[in-house]
Amino acid sequence: MKYRSAFDIIGPVMIGPSSSHTAGAARIGRVARTLFGKQPKKAIISLYGSFAKTYRGHGTDVAVVGGILDFDTDDERIPASLTIAEEAGMEVTFTIEDTVMDHPNTVKIKLFDEDKELELVGISIGGGTIEITELNTFKLKLSGENPAILVVHNDVFGIISSVSTVLANHEINIGHMEVSRKEKGQMALMVIEVDQKIKSDIMKEIEGLENVSQVIRMVE
């Protein structure tokens, strides 16, 4: 585990008790909410490893739901998030899984409404730091810390170059980039973390490229 600064070790400003089990869990939930784009009607939250064993005592349950409600790690409403979700009409189900995952602090979140669903797997790696490792069965590595976009596209020759050219033309520096695909020539997912905020007009320009079907802003 590599920390980027002393603040990653100390941990974020947060509602306690644990930076990994509470703050990290809230951040994973909030990433899922950001990618879903709105408050879901239903959330199925599957907990693995240490999360599964201690989720009530460490507040992992209320933290994940708080994140899905778009609460930040220091939001005082987090302890009441289960009640708030119920009052808002969001159905929440927790499942405890026995499968041994690569990381002990792992959660899978499935979000639904009438016309949309999303599945995300995230891990809390300490100090409130997280990684998103899977999105709708696509493997990826996303920290949620830097400005980022997800580009859904057809797996064709030249598409990666086309997207990176648009960013270069707007003087946006790519800090991290990876591509995941299920099968050659089929749908693929591009994850791009950058050093600056990507404005809406640039996102529209990328979305207008041939073979790009969707662009999602991950972090402002």
C-alpha atoms as a PDB file:
ATOM      1  CA  MET A   1       0.000   0.000   0.000  1.00  0.00           C
ATOM      2  CA  LYS A   2       1.425   3.376  -1.063  1.00  0.00           C
ATOM      3  CA  TYR A   3       0.209   6.579   0.526  1.00  0.00           C
ATOM      4  CA  ARG A   4       0.278   9.827  -1.445  1.00  0.00           C
ATOM      5  CA  SER A   5       0.572  12.065   1.612  1.00  0.00           C
ATOM      6  CA  ALA A   6       0.541  12.112   5.416  1.00  0.00           C
ATOM      7  CA  PHE A   7      -3.191  12.897   5.263  1.00  0.00           C
ATOM      8  CA  ASP A   8      -3.816   9.442   3.771  1.00  0.00           C
ATOM      9  CA  ILE A   9      -2.249   7.928   6.907  1.00  0.00           C
ATOM     10  CA  ILE A  10      -3.993  10.240   9.374  1.00  0.00           C
ATOM     11  CA  GLY A  11      -7.301   9.794   7.561  1.00  0.00           C
ATOM     12  CA  PRO A  12      -9.997  12.196   6.403  1.00  0.00           C
ATOM     13  CA  VAL A  13     -12.324  14.421   8.403  1.00  0.00           C
ATOM     14  CA  MET A  14     -15.146  12.011   9.012  1.00  0.00           C
ATOM     15  CA  ILE A  15     -17.928  10.582  11.079  1.00  0.00           C
ATOM     16  CA  GLY A  16     -16.285   7.706  13.025  1.00  0.00           C
ATOM     17  CA  PRO A  17     -15.313   5.237  14.140  1.00  0.00           C
ATOM     18  CA  SER A  18     -12.991   3.894  11.418  1.00  0.00           C
ATOM     19  CA  SER A  19     -11.286   5.517   8.433  1.00  0.00           C
ATOM     20  CA  SER A  20     -11.261   2.254   6.496  1.00  0.00           C
ATOM     21  CA  HIS A  21     -14.616   0.809   7.583  1.00  0.00           C
ATOM     22  CA  THR A  22     -16.572   4.076   7.761  1.00  0.00           C
ATOM     23  CA  ALA A  23     -14.956   6.825   5.687  1.00  0.00           C
ATOM     24  CA  GLY A  24     -13.752   4.431   2.992  1.00  0.00           C
ATOM     25  CA  ALA A  25     -17.136   2.730   2.858  1.00  0.00           C
ATOM     26  CA  ALA A  26     -18.914   6.085   2.537  1.00  0.00           C
ATOM     27  CA  ARG A  27     -16.635   7.076  -0.333  1.00  0.00           C
ATOM     28  CA  ILE A  28     -17.317   3.832  -2.191  1.00  0.00           C
ATOM     29  CA  GLY A  29     -21.041   4.375  -1.771  1.00  0.00           C
ATOM     30  CA  ARG A  30     -20.743   7.938  -3.030  1.00  0.00           C
ATOM     31  CA  VAL A  31     -18.785   6.833  -6.106  1.00  0.00           C
ATOM     32  CA  ALA A  32     -21.599   4.397  -6.885  1.00  0.00           C
ATOM     33  CA  ARG A  33     -24.117   7.227  -6.499  1.00  0.00           C
ATOM     34  CA  THR A  34     -22.059   9.508  -8.781  1.00  0.00           C
ATOM     35  CA  LEU A  35     -21.854   6.876 -11.493  1.00  0.00           C
ATOM     36  CA  PHE A  36     -25.556   6.053 -11.189  1.00  0.00           C
ATOM     37  CA  GLY A  37     -26.308   9.745 -11.588  1.00  0.00           C
ATOM     38  CA  LYS A  38     -29.259   9.981  -9.194  1.00  0.00           C
ATOM     39  CA  GLN A  39     -30.731   8.455  -6.074  1.00  0.00           C
ATOM     40  CA  PRO A  40     -31.674   4.830  -6.792  1.00  0.00           C
ATOM     41  CA  LYS A  41     -34.910   3.162  -5.834  1.00  0.00           C
ATOM     42  CA  LYS A  42     -33.137   0.056  -4.563  1.00  0.00           C
ATOM     43  CA  ALA A  43     -29.654  -0.830  -3.304  1.00  0.00           C
ATOM     44  CA  ILE A  44     -28.270  -4.316  -2.676  1.00  0.00           C
ATOM     45  CA  ILE A  45     -25.044  -4.127  -0.665  1.00  0.00           C
ATOM     46  CA  SER A  46     -22.887  -7.255  -0.409  1.00  0.00           C
ATOM     47  CA  LEU A  47     -20.156  -7.220   2.239  1.00  0.00           C
ATOM     48  CA  TYR A  48     -17.033  -9.391   2.219  1.00  0.00           C
ATOM     49  CA  GLY A  49     -14.214 -10.201   4.619  1.00  0.00           C
ATOM     50  CA  SER A  50     -13.674  -7.732   7.434  1.00  0.00           C
ATOM     51  CA  PHE A  51     -16.569  -5.601   6.224  1.00  0.00           C
ATOM     52  CA  ALA A  52     -18.883  -8.591   6.613  1.00  0.00           C
ATOM     53  CA  LYS A  53     -17.660  -9.376  10.139  1.00  0.00           C
ATOM     54  CA  THR A  54     -17.684  -5.900  11.675  1.00  0.00           C
ATOM     55  CA  TYR A  55     -20.041  -3.820   9.544  1.00  0.00           C
ATOM     56  CA  ARG A  56     -22.521  -2.981  12.302  1.00  0.00           C
ATOM     57  CA  GLY A  57     -19.963  -2.173  14.991  1.00  0.00           C
ATOM     58  CA  HIS A  58     -17.813  -0.036  12.680  1.00  0.00           C
ATOM     59  CA  GLY A  59     -20.715   1.685  10.958  1.00  0.00           C
ATOM     60  CA  THR A  60     -19.948   0.288   7.513  1.00  0.00           C
ATOM     61  CA  ASP A  61     -23.655  -0.234   6.820  1.00  0.00           C
ATOM     62  CA  VAL A  62     -24.696   3.341   7.564  1.00  0.00           C
ATOM     63  CA  ALA A  63     -21.579   4.676   5.823  1.00  0.00           C
ATOM     64  CA  VAL A  64     -22.213   2.893   2.515  1.00  0.00           C
ATOM     65  CA  VAL A  65     -25.850   3.948   2.515  1.00  0.00           C
ATOM     66  CA  GLY A  66     -24.848   7.499   3.445  1.00  0.00           C
ATOM     67  CA  GLY A  67     -22.541   7.556   0.447  1.00  0.00           C
ATOM     68  CA  ILE A  68     -25.333   6.302  -1.813  1.00  0.00           C
ATOM     69  CA  LEU A  69     -27.434   9.185  -0.451  1.00  0.00           C
ATOM     70  CA  ASP A  70     -24.585  11.491  -1.585  1.00  0.00           C
ATOM     71  CA  PHE A  71     -23.348  12.283   1.940  1.00  0.00           C
ATOM     72  CA  ASP A  72     -19.660  13.153   2.356  1.00  0.00           C
ATOM     73  CA  THR A  73     -17.503  11.427   4.986  1.00  0.00           C
ATOM     74  CA  ASP A  74     -18.050  14.192   7.574  1.00  0.00           C
ATOM     75  CA  ASP A  75     -21.809  14.517   7.069  1.00  0.00           C
ATOM     76  CA  GLU A  76     -23.554  14.326  10.439  1.00  0.00           C
ATOM     77  CA  ARG A  77     -26.523  12.540   8.844  1.00  0.00           C
ATOM     78  CA  ILE A  78     -24.502   9.352   8.209  1.00  0.00           C
ATOM     79  CA  PRO A  79     -25.485   7.617  11.505  1.00  0.00           C
ATOM     80  CA  ALA A  80     -29.154   8.052  10.527  1.00  0.00           C
ATOM     81  CA  SER A  81     -28.693   7.134   6.864  1.00  0.00           C
ATOM     82  CA  LEU A  82     -30.725   3.903   7.029  1.00  0.00           C
ATOM     83  CA  THR A  83     -33.718   5.803   8.370  1.00  0.00           C
ATOM     84  CA  ILE A  84     -33.203   8.630   5.866  1.00  0.00           C
ATOM     85  CA  ALA A  85     -33.033   6.127   2.994  1.00  0.00           C
ATOM     86  CA  GLU A  86     -36.270   4.482   4.116  1.00  0.00           C
ATOM     87  CA  GLU A  87     -38.014   7.854   4.390  1.00  0.00           C
ATOM     88  CA  ALA A  88     -36.764   8.718   0.895  1.00  0.00           C
ATOM     89  CA  GLY A  89     -38.270   5.522  -0.512  1.00  0.00           C
ATOM     90  CA  MET A  90     -34.953   3.761  -1.180  1.00  0.00           C
ATOM     91  CA  GLU A  91     -35.058   0.048  -0.439  1.00  0.00           C
ATOM     92  CA  VAL A  92     -31.791  -1.222   1.064  1.00  0.00           C
ATOM     93  CA  THR A  93     -30.764  -4.879   1.387  1.00  0.00           C
ATOM     94  CA  PHE A  94     -27.520  -6.154   2.958  1.00  0.00           C
ATOM     95  CA  THR A  95     -26.032  -9.554   2.175  1.00  0.00           C
ATOM     96  CA  ILE A  96     -23.096 -11.128   4.024  1.00  0.00           C
ATOM     97  CA  GLU A  97     -20.833 -13.089   1.692  1.00  0.00           C
ATOM     98  CA  ASP A  98     -18.411 -15.930   2.516  1.00  0.00           C
ATOM     99  CA  THR A  99     -16.358 -15.631  -0.682  1.00  0.00           C
ATOM    100  CA  VAL A 100     -12.716 -14.776   0.015  1.00  0.00           C
ATOM    101  CA  MET A 101     -11.820 -11.665  -1.971  1.00  0.00           C
ATOM    102  CA  ASP A 102      -8.402 -10.261  -2.849  1.00  0.00           C
ATOM    103  CA  HIS A 103      -8.875  -7.521  -0.229  1.00  0.00           C
ATOM    104  CA  PRO A 104     -10.618  -7.975   3.154  1.00  0.00           C
ATOM    105  CA  ASN A 105     -12.479  -4.647   3.010  1.00  0.00           C
ATOM    106  CA  THR A 106     -14.569  -5.312  -0.098  1.00  0.00           C
ATOM    107  CA  VAL A 107     -18.128  -4.289  -0.926  1.00  0.00           C
ATOM    108  CA  LYS A 108     -20.276  -4.891  -3.972  1.00  0.00           C
ATOM    109  CA  ILE A 109     -23.050  -2.364  -4.580  1.00  0.00           C
ATOM    110  CA  LYS A 110     -25.956  -2.906  -6.961  1.00  0.00           C
ATOM    111  CA  LEU A 111     -28.212   0.087  -7.619  1.00  0.00           C
ATOM    112  CA  PHE A 112     -31.536   0.016  -9.430  1.00  0.00           C
ATOM    113  CA  ASP A 113     -34.454   2.159 -10.505  1.00  0.00           C
ATOM    114  CA  GLU A 114     -37.195   1.699 -13.105  1.00  0.00           C
ATOM    115  CA  ASP A 115     -34.921   1.995 -16.145  1.00  0.00           C
ATOM    116  CA  LYS A 116     -31.343   1.687 -14.956  1.00  0.00           C
ATOM    117  CA  GLU A 117     -29.019  -0.517 -12.953  1.00  0.00           C
ATOM    118  CA  LEU A 118     -25.374  -0.434 -11.915  1.00  0.00           C
ATOM    119  CA  GLU A 119     -23.003  -2.884 -10.252  1.00  0.00           C
ATOM    120  CA  LEU A 120     -19.787  -1.701  -8.624  1.00  0.00           C
ATOM    121  CA  VAL A 121     -17.085  -3.400  -6.538  1.00  0.00           C
ATOM    122  CA  GLY A 122     -14.888  -1.271  -4.308  1.00  0.00           C
ATOM    123  CA  ILE A 123     -12.213  -1.802  -1.675  1.00  0.00           C
ATOM    124  CA  SER A 124     -11.199   0.378   1.258  1.00  0.00           C
ATOM    125  CA  ILE A 125      -7.417   0.257   1.532  1.00  0.00           C
ATOM    126  CA  GLY A 126      -6.848   2.387   4.647  1.00  0.00           C
ATOM    127  CA  GLY A 127      -6.946   5.979   5.760  1.00  0.00           C
ATOM    128  CA  GLY A 128     -10.205   6.552   3.909  1.00  0.00           C
ATOM    129  CA  THR A 129      -8.507   5.744   0.600  1.00  0.00           C
ATOM    130  CA  ILE A 130     -10.464   3.555  -1.825  1.00  0.00           C
ATOM    131  CA  GLU A 131     -10.196   1.821  -5.166  1.00  0.00           C
ATOM    132  CA  ILE A 132     -13.036   0.898  -7.478  1.00  0.00           C
ATOM    133  CA  THR A 133     -12.047  -2.448  -8.987  1.00  0.00           C
ATOM    134  CA  GLU A 134     -15.075  -3.402 -11.047  1.00  0.00           C
ATOM    135  CA  LEU A 135     -17.934  -1.608 -12.800  1.00  0.00           C
ATOM    136  CA  ASN A 136     -20.706  -3.574 -14.505  1.00  0.00           C
ATOM    137  CA  THR A 137     -18.302  -6.559 -14.705  1.00  0.00           C
ATOM    138  CA  PHE A 138     -15.547  -4.432 -16.292  1.00  0.00           C
ATOM    139  CA  LYS A 139     -12.264  -4.663 -14.395  1.00  0.00           C
ATOM    140  CA  LEU A 140     -10.685  -1.293 -13.602  1.00  0.00           C
ATOM    141  CA  LYS A 141      -8.653   0.644 -11.063  1.00  0.00           C
ATOM    142  CA  LEU A 142     -10.083   3.983 -10.019  1.00  0.00           C
ATOM    143  CA  SER A 143      -9.122   5.900  -6.892  1.00  0.00           C
ATOM    144  CA  GLY A 144     -11.955   8.421  -6.849  1.00  0.00           C
ATOM    145  CA  GLU A 145      -9.460  11.065  -5.728  1.00  0.00           C
ATOM    146  CA  ASN A 146      -8.626  12.837  -9.011  1.00  0.00           C
ATOM    147  CA  PRO A 147     -10.737  14.350 -11.794  1.00  0.00           C
ATOM    148  CA  ALA A 148     -11.717  11.443 -14.011  1.00  0.00           C
ATOM    149  CA  ILE A 149     -14.018  10.324 -16.775  1.00  0.00           C
ATOM    150  CA  LEU A 150     -15.261   6.920 -17.876  1.00  0.00           C
ATOM    151  CA  VAL A 151     -15.678   6.465 -21.615  1.00  0.00           C
ATOM    152  CA  VAL A 152     -17.886   3.621 -22.847  1.00  0.00           C
ATOM    153  CA  HIS A 153     -16.975   2.771 -26.430  1.00  0.00           C
ATOM    154  CA  ASN A 154     -16.714   0.112 -29.102  1.00  0.00           C
ATOM    155  CA  ASP A 155     -13.400  -1.721 -29.114  1.00  0.00           C
ATOM    156  CA  VAL A 156     -12.096  -0.491 -32.487  1.00  0.00           C
ATOM    157  CA  PHE A 157      -8.757   0.657 -33.850  1.00  0.00           C
ATOM    158  CA  GLY A 158      -7.863   4.303 -33.116  1.00  0.00           C
ATOM    159  CA  ILE A 159     -10.516   5.112 -30.499  1.00  0.00           C
ATOM    160  CA  ILE A 160      -8.016   5.515 -27.653  1.00  0.00           C
ATOM    161  CA  SER A 161      -5.947   7.871 -29.799  1.00  0.00           C
ATOM    162  CA  SER A 162      -9.045   9.898 -30.710  1.00  0.00           C
ATOM    163  CA  VAL A 163     -10.030  10.421 -27.068  1.00  0.00           C
ATOM    164  CA  SER A 164      -6.500  11.281 -25.931  1.00  0.00           C
ATOM    165  CA  THR A 165      -6.155  13.717 -28.850  1.00  0.00           C
ATOM    166  CA  VAL A 166      -9.239  15.634 -27.718  1.00  0.00           C
ATOM    167  CA  LEU A 167      -7.766  15.946 -24.223  1.00  0.00           C
ATOM    168  CA  ALA A 168      -4.382  16.983 -25.587  1.00  0.00           C
ATOM    169  CA  ASN A 169      -5.972  19.642 -27.790  1.00  0.00           C
ATOM    170  CA  HIS A 170      -7.495  21.165 -24.645  1.00  0.00           C
ATOM    171  CA  GLU A 171      -4.158  20.894 -22.775  1.00  0.00           C
ATOM    172  CA  ILE A 172      -5.478  18.347 -20.291  1.00  0.00           C
ATOM    173  CA  ASN A 173      -2.784  16.077 -18.908  1.00  0.00           C
ATOM    174  CA  ILE A 174      -3.591  12.383 -18.372  1.00  0.00           C
ATOM    175  CA  GLY A 175      -2.315  11.067 -15.048  1.00  0.00           C
ATOM    176  CA  HIS A 176      -3.608   7.516 -15.358  1.00  0.00           C
ATOM    177  CA  MET A 177      -5.427   5.648 -18.113  1.00  0.00           C
ATOM    178  CA  GLU A 178      -6.531   2.083 -18.646  1.00  0.00           C
ATOM    179  CA  VAL A 179      -8.901   0.194 -20.922  1.00  0.00           C
ATOM    180  CA  SER A 180     -11.007  -2.832 -20.077  1.00  0.00           C
ATOM    181  CA  ARG A 181     -12.972  -4.956 -22.525  1.00  0.00           C
ATOM    182  CA  LYS A 182     -15.016  -8.121 -22.300  1.00  0.00           C
ATOM    183  CA  GLU A 183     -14.286  -9.430 -25.777  1.00  0.00           C
ATOM    184  CA  LYS A 184     -12.223  -8.224 -28.731  1.00  0.00           C
ATOM    185  CA  GLY A 185     -14.240  -5.894 -30.922  1.00  0.00           C
ATOM    186  CA  GLN A 186     -17.092  -5.558 -28.414  1.00  0.00           C
ATOM    187  CA  MET A 187     -18.002  -2.905 -25.826  1.00  0.00           C
ATOM    188  CA  ALA A 188     -15.076  -1.529 -23.816  1.00  0.00           C
ATOM    189  CA  LEU A 189     -14.518   0.930 -20.982  1.00  0.00           C
ATOM    190  CA  MET A 190     -11.819   3.580 -20.827  1.00  0.00           C
ATOM    191  CA  VAL A 191     -10.866   5.019 -17.410  1.00  0.00           C
ATOM    192  CA  ILE A 192      -8.987   8.321 -17.576  1.00  0.00           C
ATOM    193  CA  GLU A 193      -7.727  10.248 -14.546  1.00  0.00           C
ATOM    194  CA  VAL A 194      -6.456  13.747 -15.306  1.00  0.00           C
ATOM    195  CA  ASP A 195      -4.863  16.719 -13.556  1.00  0.00           C
ATOM    196  CA  GLN A 196      -7.589  19.246 -14.308  1.00  0.00           C
ATOM    197  CA  LYS A 197     -11.363  19.379 -14.303  1.00  0.00           C
ATOM    198  CA  ILE A 198     -12.852  18.283 -17.609  1.00  0.00           C
ATOM    199  CA  LYS A 199     -15.508  20.785 -18.681  1.00  0.00           C
ATOM    200  CA  SER A 200     -18.874  19.766 -20.070  1.00  0.00           C
ATOM    201  CA  ASP A 201     -18.090  20.973 -23.607  1.00  0.00           C
ATOM    202  CA  ILE A 202     -15.011  18.721 -23.710  1.00  0.00           C
ATOM    203  CA  MET A 203     -17.092  15.772 -22.530  1.00  0.00           C
ATOM    204  CA  LYS A 204     -19.609  16.457 -25.295  1.00  0.00           C
ATOM    205  CA  GLU A 205     -16.782  16.581 -27.815  1.00  0.00           C
ATOM    206  CA  ILE A 206     -15.561  13.158 -26.678  1.00  0.00           C
ATOM    207  CA  GLU A 207     -19.102  11.773 -26.651  1.00  0.00           C
ATOM    208  CA  GLY A 208     -19.487  12.985 -30.227  1.00  0.00           C
ATOM    209  CA  LEU A 209     -16.609  10.838 -31.432  1.00  0.00           C
ATOM    210  CA  GLU A 210     -17.470   7.882 -33.628  1.00  0.00           C
ATOM    211  CA  ASN A 211     -17.749   4.626 -31.629  1.00  0.00           C
ATOM    212  CA  VAL A 212     -18.144   6.434 -28.271  1.00  0.00           C
ATOM    213  CA  SER A 213     -21.510   5.685 -26.685  1.00  0.00           C
ATOM    214  CA  GLN A 214     -21.264   7.373 -23.268  1.00  0.00           C
ATOM    215  CA  VAL A 215     -18.989   9.638 -21.235  1.00  0.00           C
ATOM    216  CA  ILE A 216     -19.418   9.826 -17.452  1.00  0.00           C
ATOM    217  CA  ARG A 217     -17.697  12.407 -15.260  1.00  0.00           C
ATOM    218  CA  MET A 218     -16.432  10.506 -12.247  1.00  0.00           C
ATOM    219  CA  VAL A 219     -14.860  13.259 -10.129  1.00  0.00           C
ATOM    220  CA  GLU A 220     -15.220  17.029 -10.561  1.00  0.00           C
END
